[in-house]
């Protein structure tokens, strides 16, 4: 993972962690359900953004390296990983 991506991911995760703690407090305080759900949706969106950032980095580094290299097995492995993660299948 590139340093910039790692730093961005770390910052996002800290923010997401804070959001989750906030949701926990909302549940303990018996806050209005729709307000809790909105915060859960916000966390899901934040996680999707993090996933996209990490996936972009993976494609730009690991996958690119495999596709431009000469190792056919490594190419196949990276493509199979992407298909599995994007298609939801377990590798």
PDB file of N, CA and C in Angstrom:
ATOM      1  N   UNK A   1       0.851  -1.170   0.000  1.00  0.00           N
ATOM      2  CA  UNK A   1       0.000   0.000   0.000  1.00  0.00           C
ATOM      3  C   UNK A   1       0.899   1.237   0.000  1.00  0.00           C
ATOM      4  N   UNK A   2       0.540   2.200  -0.851  1.00  0.00           N
ATOM      5  CA  UNK A   2       1.308   3.442  -0.908  1.00  0.00           C
ATOM      6  C   UNK A   2       1.165   4.196   0.409  1.00  0.00           C
ATOM      7  N   UNK A   3       2.182   4.949   0.761  1.00  0.00           N
ATOM      8  CA  UNK A   3       2.181   5.696   2.017  1.00  0.00           C
ATOM      9  C   UNK A   3       0.992   6.657   2.098  1.00  0.00           C
ATOM     10  N   UNK A   4       0.708   7.362   1.023  1.00  0.00           N
ATOM     11  CA  UNK A   4      -0.418   8.297   1.023  1.00  0.00           C
ATOM     12  C   UNK A   4      -1.742   7.592   1.267  1.00  0.00           C
ATOM     13  N   UNK A   5      -1.897   6.431   0.658  1.00  0.00           N
ATOM     14  CA  UNK A   5      -3.123   5.655   0.850  1.00  0.00           C
ATOM     15  C   UNK A   5      -3.217   5.150   2.278  1.00  0.00           C
ATOM     16  N   UNK A   6      -2.100   4.683   2.795  1.00  0.00           N
ATOM     17  CA  UNK A   6      -2.076   4.183   4.173  1.00  0.00           C
ATOM     18  C   UNK A   6      -2.445   5.290   5.156  1.00  0.00           C
ATOM     19  N   UNK A   7      -1.890   6.479   4.955  1.00  0.00           N
ATOM     20  CA  UNK A   7      -2.202   7.611   5.830  1.00  0.00           C
ATOM     21  C   UNK A   7      -3.678   7.997   5.730  1.00  0.00           C
ATOM     22  N   UNK A   8      -4.190   8.057   4.499  1.00  0.00           N
ATOM     23  CA  UNK A   8      -5.601   8.408   4.292  1.00  0.00           C
ATOM     24  C   UNK A   8      -6.514   7.358   4.924  1.00  0.00           C
ATOM     25  N   UNK A   9      -6.154   6.089   4.756  1.00  0.00           N
ATOM     26  CA  UNK A   9      -6.955   5.000   5.327  1.00  0.00           C
ATOM     27  C   UNK A   9      -6.945   5.063   6.850  1.00  0.00           C
ATOM     28  N   UNK A  10      -5.807   5.364   7.415  1.00  0.00           N
ATOM     29  CA  UNK A  10      -5.696   5.470   8.874  1.00  0.00           C
ATOM     30  C   UNK A  10      -6.567   6.602   9.405  1.00  0.00           C
ATOM     31  N   UNK A  11      -6.544   7.743   8.713  1.00  0.00           N
ATOM     32  CA  UNK A  11      -7.390   8.876   9.130  1.00  0.00           C
ATOM     33  C   UNK A  11      -8.873   8.521   9.004  1.00  0.00           C
ATOM     34  N   UNK A  12      -9.247   7.898   7.898  1.00  0.00           N
ATOM     35  CA  UNK A  12     -10.648   7.499   7.703  1.00  0.00           C
ATOM     36  C   UNK A  12     -11.089   6.520   8.778  1.00  0.00           C
ATOM     37  N   UNK A  13     -10.236   5.574   9.088  1.00  0.00           N
ATOM     38  CA  UNK A  13     -10.591   4.577  10.108  1.00  0.00           C
ATOM     39  C   UNK A  13     -10.779   5.214  11.474  1.00  0.00           C
ATOM     40  N   UNK A  14      -9.955   6.198  11.804  1.00  0.00           N
ATOM     41  CA  UNK A  14     -10.117   6.898  13.078  1.00  0.00           C
ATOM     42  C   UNK A  14     -11.456   7.626  13.117  1.00  0.00           C
ATOM     43  N   UNK A  15     -11.821   8.245  12.004  1.00  0.00           N
ATOM     44  CA  UNK A  15     -13.099   8.945  11.927  1.00  0.00           C
ATOM     45  C   UNK A  15     -14.261   7.961  12.038  1.00  0.00           C
ATOM     46  N   UNK A  16     -14.148   6.834  11.343  1.00  0.00           N
ATOM     47  CA  UNK A  16     -15.187   5.801  11.391  1.00  0.00           C
ATOM     48  C   UNK A  16     -15.305   5.239  12.807  1.00  0.00           C
ATOM     49  N   UNK A  17     -14.179   5.034  13.453  1.00  0.00           N
ATOM     50  CA  UNK A  17     -14.190   4.537  14.834  1.00  0.00           C
ATOM     51  C   UNK A  17     -14.967   5.498  15.736  1.00  0.00           C
ATOM     52  N   UNK A  18     -14.736   6.784  15.557  1.00  0.00           N
ATOM     53  CA  UNK A  18     -15.465   7.781  16.332  1.00  0.00           C
ATOM     54  C   UNK A  18     -16.960   7.744  16.038  1.00  0.00           C
ATOM     55  N   UNK A  19     -17.307   7.563  14.769  1.00  0.00           N
ATOM     56  CA  UNK A  19     -18.718   7.473  14.400  1.00  0.00           C
ATOM     57  C   UNK A  19     -19.380   6.267  15.064  1.00  0.00           C
ATOM     58  N   UNK A  20     -18.689   5.136  15.074  1.00  0.00           N
ATOM     59  CA  UNK A  20     -19.248   3.923  15.672  1.00  0.00           C
ATOM     60  C   UNK A  20     -19.418   4.107  17.181  1.00  0.00           C
ATOM     61  N   UNK A  21     -18.451   4.727  17.820  1.00  0.00           N
ATOM     62  CA  UNK A  21     -18.601   5.012  19.261  1.00  0.00           C
ATOM     63  C   UNK A  21     -19.805   5.918  19.505  1.00  0.00           C
ATOM     64  N   UNK A  22     -20.007   6.879  18.625  1.00  0.00           N
ATOM     65  CA  UNK A  22     -21.159   7.768  18.727  1.00  0.00           C
ATOM     66  C   UNK A  22     -22.469   7.013  18.591  1.00  0.00           C
ATOM     67  N   UNK A  23     -22.509   6.069  17.676  1.00  0.00           N
ATOM     68  CA  UNK A  23     -23.718   5.249  17.508  1.00  0.00           C
ATOM     69  C   UNK A  23     -23.968   4.438  18.768  1.00  0.00           C
ATOM     70  N   UNK A  24     -22.921   3.900  19.333  1.00  0.00           N
ATOM     71  CA  UNK A  24     -23.056   3.123  20.566  1.00  0.00           C
ATOM     72  C   UNK A  24     -23.670   3.979  21.675  1.00  0.00           C
ATOM     73  N   UNK A  25     -23.181   5.218  21.795  1.00  0.00           N
ATOM     74  CA  UNK A  25     -23.749   6.125  22.800  1.00  0.00           C
ATOM     75  C   UNK A  25     -25.222   6.411  22.515  1.00  0.00           C
ATOM     76  N   UNK A  26     -25.546   6.581  21.242  1.00  0.00           N
ATOM     77  CA  UNK A  26     -26.934   6.848  20.868  1.00  0.00           C
ATOM     78  C   UNK A  26     -27.843   5.692  21.289  1.00  0.00           C
ATOM     79  N   UNK A  27     -27.371   4.472  21.104  1.00  0.00           N
ATOM     80  CA  UNK A  27     -28.163   3.302  21.484  1.00  0.00           C
ATOM     81  C   UNK A  27     -28.337   3.268  22.992  1.00  0.00           C
ATOM     82  N   UNK A  28     -27.251   3.484  23.730  1.00  0.00           N
ATOM     83  CA  UNK A  28     -27.319   3.484  25.194  1.00  0.00           C
ATOM     84  C   UNK A  28     -28.275   4.568  25.683  1.00  0.00           C
ATOM     85  N   UNK A  29     -28.255   5.720  25.016  1.00  0.00           N
ATOM     86  CA  UNK A  29     -29.120   6.834  25.408  1.00  0.00           C
ATOM     87  C   UNK A  29     -30.542   6.692  24.886  1.00  0.00           C
ATOM     88  N   UNK A  30     -30.814   5.594  24.185  1.00  0.00           N
ATOM     89  CA  UNK A  30     -32.145   5.305  23.645  1.00  0.00           C
ATOM     90  C   UNK A  30     -32.632   6.425  22.719  1.00  0.00           C
ATOM     91  N   UNK A  31     -31.725   6.828  21.831  1.00  0.00           N
ATOM     92  CA  UNK A  31     -32.062   7.892  20.881  1.00  0.00           C
ATOM     93  C   UNK A  31     -33.045   7.373  19.839  1.00  0.00           C
ATOM     94  N   UNK A  32     -33.676   8.278  19.141  1.00  0.00           N
ATOM     95  CA  UNK A  32     -34.678   7.969  18.132  1.00  0.00           C
ATOM     96  C   UNK A  32     -34.079   7.044  17.063  1.00  0.00           C
ATOM     97  N   UNK A  33     -34.812   5.973  16.773  1.00  0.00           N
ATOM     98  CA  UNK A  33     -34.302   4.916  15.878  1.00  0.00           C
ATOM     99  C   UNK A  33     -33.825   5.448  14.527  1.00  0.00           C
ATOM    100  N   UNK A  34     -34.593   6.334  13.935  1.00  0.00           N
ATOM    101  CA  UNK A  34     -34.228   6.851  12.616  1.00  0.00           C
ATOM    102  C   UNK A  34     -32.915   7.627  12.677  1.00  0.00           C
ATOM    103  N   UNK A  35     -32.679   8.332  13.762  1.00  0.00           N
ATOM    104  CA  UNK A  35     -31.402   9.041  13.924  1.00  0.00           C
ATOM    105  C   UNK A  35     -30.245   8.060  13.999  1.00  0.00           C
ATOM    106  N   UNK A  36     -30.452   6.959  14.709  1.00  0.00           N
ATOM    107  CA  UNK A  36     -29.416   5.915  14.803  1.00  0.00           C
ATOM    108  C   UNK A  36     -29.174   5.310  13.428  1.00  0.00           C
ATOM    109  N   UNK A  37     -30.253   4.998  12.734  1.00  0.00           N
ATOM    110  CA  UNK A  37     -30.127   4.391  11.401  1.00  0.00           C
ATOM    111  C   UNK A  37     -29.370   5.320  10.456  1.00  0.00           C
ATOM    112  N   UNK A  38     -29.641   6.595  10.521  1.00  0.00           N
ATOM    113  CA  UNK A  38     -28.925   7.553   9.659  1.00  0.00           C
ATOM    114  C   UNK A  38     -27.425   7.533   9.948  1.00  0.00           C
ATOM    115  N   UNK A  39     -27.080   7.411  11.201  1.00  0.00           N
ATOM    116  CA  UNK A  39     -25.655   7.346  11.551  1.00  0.00           C
ATOM    117  C   UNK A  39     -25.038   6.028  11.082  1.00  0.00           C
ATOM    118  N   UNK A  40     -25.785   4.943  11.177  1.00  0.00           N
ATOM    119  CA  UNK A  40     -25.301   3.652  10.667  1.00  0.00           C
ATOM    120  C   UNK A  40     -25.075   3.759   9.156  1.00  0.00           C
ATOM    121  N   UNK A  41     -25.992   4.410   8.455  1.00  0.00           N
ATOM    122  CA  UNK A  41     -25.833   4.595   7.010  1.00  0.00           C
ATOM    123  C   UNK A  41     -24.593   5.433   6.695  1.00  0.00           C
ATOM    124  N   UNK A  42     -24.336   6.426   7.527  1.00  0.00           N
ATOM    125  CA  UNK A  42     -23.147   7.253   7.327  1.00  0.00           C
ATOM    126  C   UNK A  42     -21.871   6.431   7.487  1.00  0.00           C
ATOM    127  N   UNK A  43     -21.862   5.532   8.462  1.00  0.00           N
ATOM    128  CA  UNK A  43     -20.697   4.658   8.665  1.00  0.00           C
ATOM    129  C   UNK A  43     -20.538   3.716   7.483  1.00  0.00           C
ATOM    130  N   UNK A  44     -21.639   3.175   7.007  1.00  0.00           N
ATOM    131  CA  UNK A  44     -21.566   2.277   5.839  1.00  0.00           C
ATOM    132  C   UNK A  44     -20.994   3.016   4.630  1.00  0.00           C
ATOM    133  N   UNK A  45     -21.422   4.263   4.423  1.00  0.00           N
ATOM    134  CA  UNK A  45     -20.892   5.057   3.310  1.00  0.00           C
ATOM    135  C   UNK A  45     -19.404   5.333   3.499  1.00  0.00           C
ATOM    136  N   UNK A  46     -19.013   5.627   4.734  1.00  0.00           N
ATOM    137  CA  UNK A  46     -17.592   5.873   5.019  1.00  0.00           C
ATOM    138  C   UNK A  46     -16.760   4.616   4.770  1.00  0.00           C
ATOM    139  N   UNK A  47     -17.280   3.462   5.154  1.00  0.00           N
ATOM    140  CA  UNK A  47     -16.571   2.202   4.901  1.00  0.00           C
ATOM    141  C   UNK A  47     -16.481   1.910   3.409  1.00  0.00           C
ATOM    142  N   UNK A  48     -17.531   2.220   2.661  1.00  0.00           N
ATOM    143  CA  UNK A  48     -17.500   2.026   1.209  1.00  0.00           C
ATOM    144  C   UNK A  48     -16.442   2.927   0.577  1.00  0.00           C
ATOM    145  N   UNK A  49     -16.317   4.149   1.071  1.00  0.00           N
ATOM    146  CA  UNK A  49     -15.274   5.049   0.574  1.00  0.00           C
ATOM    147  C   UNK A  49     -13.886   4.535   0.884  1.00  0.00           C
ATOM    148  N   UNK A  50     -13.714   4.010   2.077  1.00  0.00           N
ATOM    149  CA  UNK A  50     -12.430   3.418   2.455  1.00  0.00           C
ATOM    150  C   UNK A  50     -12.110   2.223   1.565  1.00  0.00           C
ATOM    151  N   UNK A  51     -13.109   1.383   1.350  1.00  0.00           N
ATOM    152  CA  UNK A  51     -12.918   0.216   0.485  1.00  0.00           C
ATOM    153  C   UNK A  51     -12.481   0.649  -0.912  1.00  0.00           C
ATOM    154  N   UNK A  52     -13.128   1.668  -1.461  1.00  0.00           N
ATOM    155  CA  UNK A  52     -12.785   2.149  -2.800  1.00  0.00           C
ATOM    156  C   UNK A  52     -11.359   2.688  -2.851  1.00  0.00           C
ATOM    157  N   UNK A  53     -10.957   3.399  -1.815  1.00  0.00           N
ATOM    158  CA  UNK A  53      -9.602   3.954  -1.752  1.00  0.00           C
ATOM    159  C   UNK A  53      -8.561   2.832  -1.742  1.00  0.00           C
ATOM    160  N   UNK A  54      -8.805   1.823  -0.924  1.00  0.00           N
ATOM    161  CA  UNK A  54      -7.855   0.707  -0.825  1.00  0.00           C
ATOM    162  C   UNK A  54      -7.854  -0.109  -2.109  1.00  0.00           C
ATOM    163  N   UNK A  55      -9.014  -0.314  -2.697  1.00  0.00           N
ATOM    164  CA  UNK A  55      -9.090  -1.065  -3.951  1.00  0.00           C
ATOM    165  C   UNK A  55      -8.366  -0.330  -5.069  1.00  0.00           C
ATOM    166  N   UNK A  56      -8.558   0.979  -5.158  1.00  0.00           N
ATOM    167  CA  UNK A  56      -7.848   1.771  -6.173  1.00  0.00           C
ATOM    168  C   UNK A  56      -6.338   1.633  -6.014  1.00  0.00           C
ATOM    169  N   UNK A  57      -5.871   1.704  -4.775  1.00  0.00           N
ATOM    170  CA  UNK A  57      -4.446   1.562  -4.507  1.00  0.00           C
ATOM    171  C   UNK A  57      -3.958   0.170  -4.913  1.00  0.00           C
ATOM    172  N   UNK A  58      -4.741  -0.838  -4.588  1.00  0.00           N
ATOM    173  CA  UNK A  58      -4.366  -2.221  -4.916  1.00  0.00           C
ATOM    174  C   UNK A  58      -4.242  -2.396  -6.433  1.00  0.00           C
ATOM    175  N   UNK A  59      -5.197  -1.837  -7.162  1.00  0.00           N
ATOM    176  CA  UNK A  59      -5.158  -1.955  -8.626  1.00  0.00           C
ATOM    177  C   UNK A  59      -3.955  -1.205  -9.183  1.00  0.00           C
ATOM    178  N   UNK A  60      -3.675  -0.027  -8.635  1.00  0.00           N
ATOM    179  CA  UNK A  60      -2.563   0.791  -9.134  1.00  0.00           C
ATOM    180  C   UNK A  60      -1.205   0.217  -8.786  1.00  0.00           C
ATOM    181  N   UNK A  61      -1.145  -0.622  -7.771  1.00  0.00           N
ATOM    182  CA  UNK A  61       0.154  -1.154  -7.351  1.00  0.00           C
ATOM    183  C   UNK A  61       0.244  -2.655  -7.632  1.00  0.00           C
ATOM    184  N   UNK A  62      -0.388  -3.443  -6.834  1.00  0.00           N
ATOM    185  CA  UNK A  62      -0.245  -4.899  -6.912  1.00  0.00           C
ATOM    186  C   UNK A  62      -0.726  -5.474  -8.246  1.00  0.00           C
ATOM    187  N   UNK A  63      -1.906  -5.060  -8.668  1.00  0.00           N
ATOM    188  CA  UNK A  63      -2.460  -5.597  -9.915  1.00  0.00           C
ATOM    189  C   UNK A  63      -1.642  -5.106 -11.103  1.00  0.00           C
ATOM    190  N   UNK A  64      -1.320  -3.817 -11.117  1.00  0.00           N
ATOM    191  CA  UNK A  64      -0.515  -3.274 -12.210  1.00  0.00           C
ATOM    192  C   UNK A  64       0.824  -3.994 -12.314  1.00  0.00           C
ATOM    193  N   UNK A  65       1.451  -4.235 -11.174  1.00  0.00           N
ATOM    194  CA  UNK A  65       2.732  -4.941 -11.155  1.00  0.00           C
ATOM    195  C   UNK A  65       2.577  -6.339 -11.762  1.00  0.00           C
ATOM    196  N   UNK A  66       1.528  -7.027 -11.368  1.00  0.00           N
ATOM    197  CA  UNK A  66       1.309  -8.388 -11.875  1.00  0.00           C
ATOM    198  C   UNK A  66       1.016  -8.379 -13.373  1.00  0.00           C
ATOM    199  N   UNK A  67       0.216  -7.424 -13.829  1.00  0.00           N
ATOM    200  CA  UNK A  67      -0.173  -7.400 -15.239  1.00  0.00           C
ATOM    201  C   UNK A  67       0.962  -6.970 -16.152  1.00  0.00           C
ATOM    202  N   UNK A  68       1.887  -6.186 -15.641  1.00  0.00           N
ATOM    203  CA  UNK A  68       3.011  -5.751 -16.474  1.00  0.00           C
ATOM    204  C   UNK A  68       4.216  -6.672 -16.330  1.00  0.00           C
ATOM    205  N   UNK A  69       4.145  -7.597 -15.394  1.00  0.00           N
ATOM    206  CA  UNK A  69       5.235  -8.542 -15.192  1.00  0.00           C
ATOM    207  C   UNK A  69       5.123  -9.738 -16.119  1.00  0.00           C
ATOM    208  N   UNK A  70       6.039 -10.647 -15.960  1.00  0.00           N
ATOM    209  CA  UNK A  70       6.087 -11.817 -16.837  1.00  0.00           C
ATOM    210  C   UNK A  70       5.516 -13.079 -16.195  1.00  0.00           C
ATOM    211  N   UNK A  71       5.162 -13.021 -14.921  1.00  0.00           N
ATOM    212  CA  UNK A  71       4.665 -14.188 -14.212  1.00  0.00           C
ATOM    213  C   UNK A  71       3.168 -14.367 -14.479  1.00  0.00           C
ATOM    214  N   UNK A  72       2.836 -15.329 -15.316  1.00  0.00           N
ATOM    215  CA  UNK A  72       1.448 -15.571 -15.707  1.00  0.00           C
ATOM    216  C   UNK A  72       0.617 -16.032 -14.509  1.00  0.00           C
ATOM    217  N   UNK A  73       1.196 -16.840 -13.639  1.00  0.00           N
ATOM    218  CA  UNK A  73       0.458 -17.296 -12.456  1.00  0.00           C
ATOM    219  C   UNK A  73       0.085 -16.131 -11.546  1.00  0.00           C
ATOM    220  N   UNK A  74       1.007 -15.195 -11.390  1.00  0.00           N
ATOM    221  CA  UNK A  74       0.726 -14.016 -10.560  1.00  0.00           C
ATOM    222  C   UNK A  74      -0.384 -13.181 -11.187  1.00  0.00           C
ATOM    223  N   UNK A  75      -0.358 -13.023 -12.508  1.00  0.00           N
ATOM    224  CA  UNK A  75      -1.424 -12.290 -13.206  1.00  0.00           C
ATOM    225  C   UNK A  75      -2.775 -12.939 -12.939  1.00  0.00           C
ATOM    226  N   UNK A  76      -2.815 -14.243 -13.132  1.00  0.00           N
ATOM    227  CA  UNK A  76      -4.060 -14.988 -12.945  1.00  0.00           C
ATOM    228  C   UNK A  76      -4.559 -14.835 -11.508  1.00  0.00           C
ATOM    229  N   UNK A  77      -3.649 -14.934 -10.555  1.00  0.00           N
ATOM    230  CA  UNK A  77      -4.018 -14.820  -9.145  1.00  0.00           C
ATOM    231  C   UNK A  77      -4.632 -13.450  -8.841  1.00  0.00           C
ATOM    232  N   UNK A  78      -4.003 -12.385  -9.347  1.00  0.00           N
ATOM    233  CA  UNK A  78      -4.525 -11.036  -9.088  1.00  0.00           C
ATOM    234  C   UNK A  78      -5.888 -10.832  -9.726  1.00  0.00           C
ATOM    235  N   UNK A  79      -6.084 -11.332 -10.927  1.00  0.00           N
ATOM    236  CA  UNK A  79      -7.381 -11.208 -11.587  1.00  0.00           C
ATOM    237  C   UNK A  79      -8.436 -12.005 -10.824  1.00  0.00           C
ATOM    238  N   UNK A  80      -8.098 -13.205 -10.387  1.00  0.00           N
ATOM    239  CA  UNK A  80      -9.041 -14.025  -9.618  1.00  0.00           C
ATOM    240  C   UNK A  80      -9.391 -13.346  -8.296  1.00  0.00           C
ATOM    241  N   UNK A  81      -8.416 -12.718  -7.646  1.00  0.00           N
ATOM    242  CA  UNK A  81      -8.687 -11.986  -6.407  1.00  0.00           C
ATOM    243  C   UNK A  81      -9.683 -10.861  -6.651  1.00  0.00           C
ATOM    244  N   UNK A  82      -9.465 -10.099  -7.731  1.00  0.00           N
ATOM    245  CA  UNK A  82     -10.367  -8.991  -8.035  1.00  0.00           C
ATOM    246  C   UNK A  82     -11.775  -9.484  -8.332  1.00  0.00           C
ATOM    247  N   UNK A  83     -11.870 -10.539  -9.123  1.00  0.00           N
ATOM    248  CA  UNK A  83     -13.192 -11.090  -9.431  1.00  0.00           C
ATOM    249  C   UNK A  83     -13.883 -11.548  -8.157  1.00  0.00           C
ATOM    250  N   UNK A  84     -13.135 -12.194  -7.280  1.00  0.00           N
ATOM    251  CA  UNK A  84     -13.727 -12.686  -6.024  1.00  0.00           C
ATOM    252  C   UNK A  84     -14.182 -11.533  -5.148  1.00  0.00           C
ATOM    253  N   UNK A  85     -13.368 -10.502  -4.996  1.00  0.00           N
ATOM    254  CA  UNK A  85     -13.724  -9.404  -4.087  1.00  0.00           C
ATOM    255  C   UNK A  85     -14.838  -8.532  -4.695  1.00  0.00           C
ATOM    256  N   UNK A  86     -14.817  -8.327  -5.970  1.00  0.00           N
ATOM    257  CA  UNK A  86     -15.850  -7.507  -6.620  1.00  0.00           C
ATOM    258  C   UNK A  86     -17.150  -8.270  -6.810  1.00  0.00           C
ATOM    259  N   UNK A  87     -17.018  -9.575  -7.016  1.00  0.00           N
ATOM    260  CA  UNK A  87     -18.215 -10.395  -7.213  1.00  0.00           C
ATOM    261  C   UNK A  87     -18.738 -10.996  -5.931  1.00  0.00           C
ATOM    262  N   UNK A  88     -17.999 -10.810  -4.838  1.00  0.00           N
ATOM    263  CA  UNK A  88     -18.452 -11.298  -3.551  1.00  0.00           C
ATOM    264  C   UNK A  88     -18.165 -12.773  -3.299  1.00  0.00           C
ATOM    265  N   UNK A  89     -17.450 -13.408  -4.210  1.00  0.00           N
ATOM    266  CA  UNK A  89     -17.116 -14.827  -4.004  1.00  0.00           C
ATOM    267  C   UNK A  89     -15.880 -14.936  -3.132  1.00  0.00           C
ATOM    268  N   UNK A  90     -15.844 -15.986  -2.345  1.00  0.00           N
ATOM    269  CA  UNK A  90     -14.689 -16.233  -1.493  1.00  0.00           C
ATOM    270  C   UNK A  90     -13.582 -16.857  -2.323  1.00  0.00           C
ATOM    271  N   UNK A  91     -12.361 -16.420  -2.076  1.00  0.00           N
ATOM    272  CA  UNK A  91     -11.213 -17.036  -2.763  1.00  0.00           C
ATOM    273  C   UNK A  91     -10.610 -18.082  -1.875  1.00  0.00           C
TER     274      UNK A  91
END
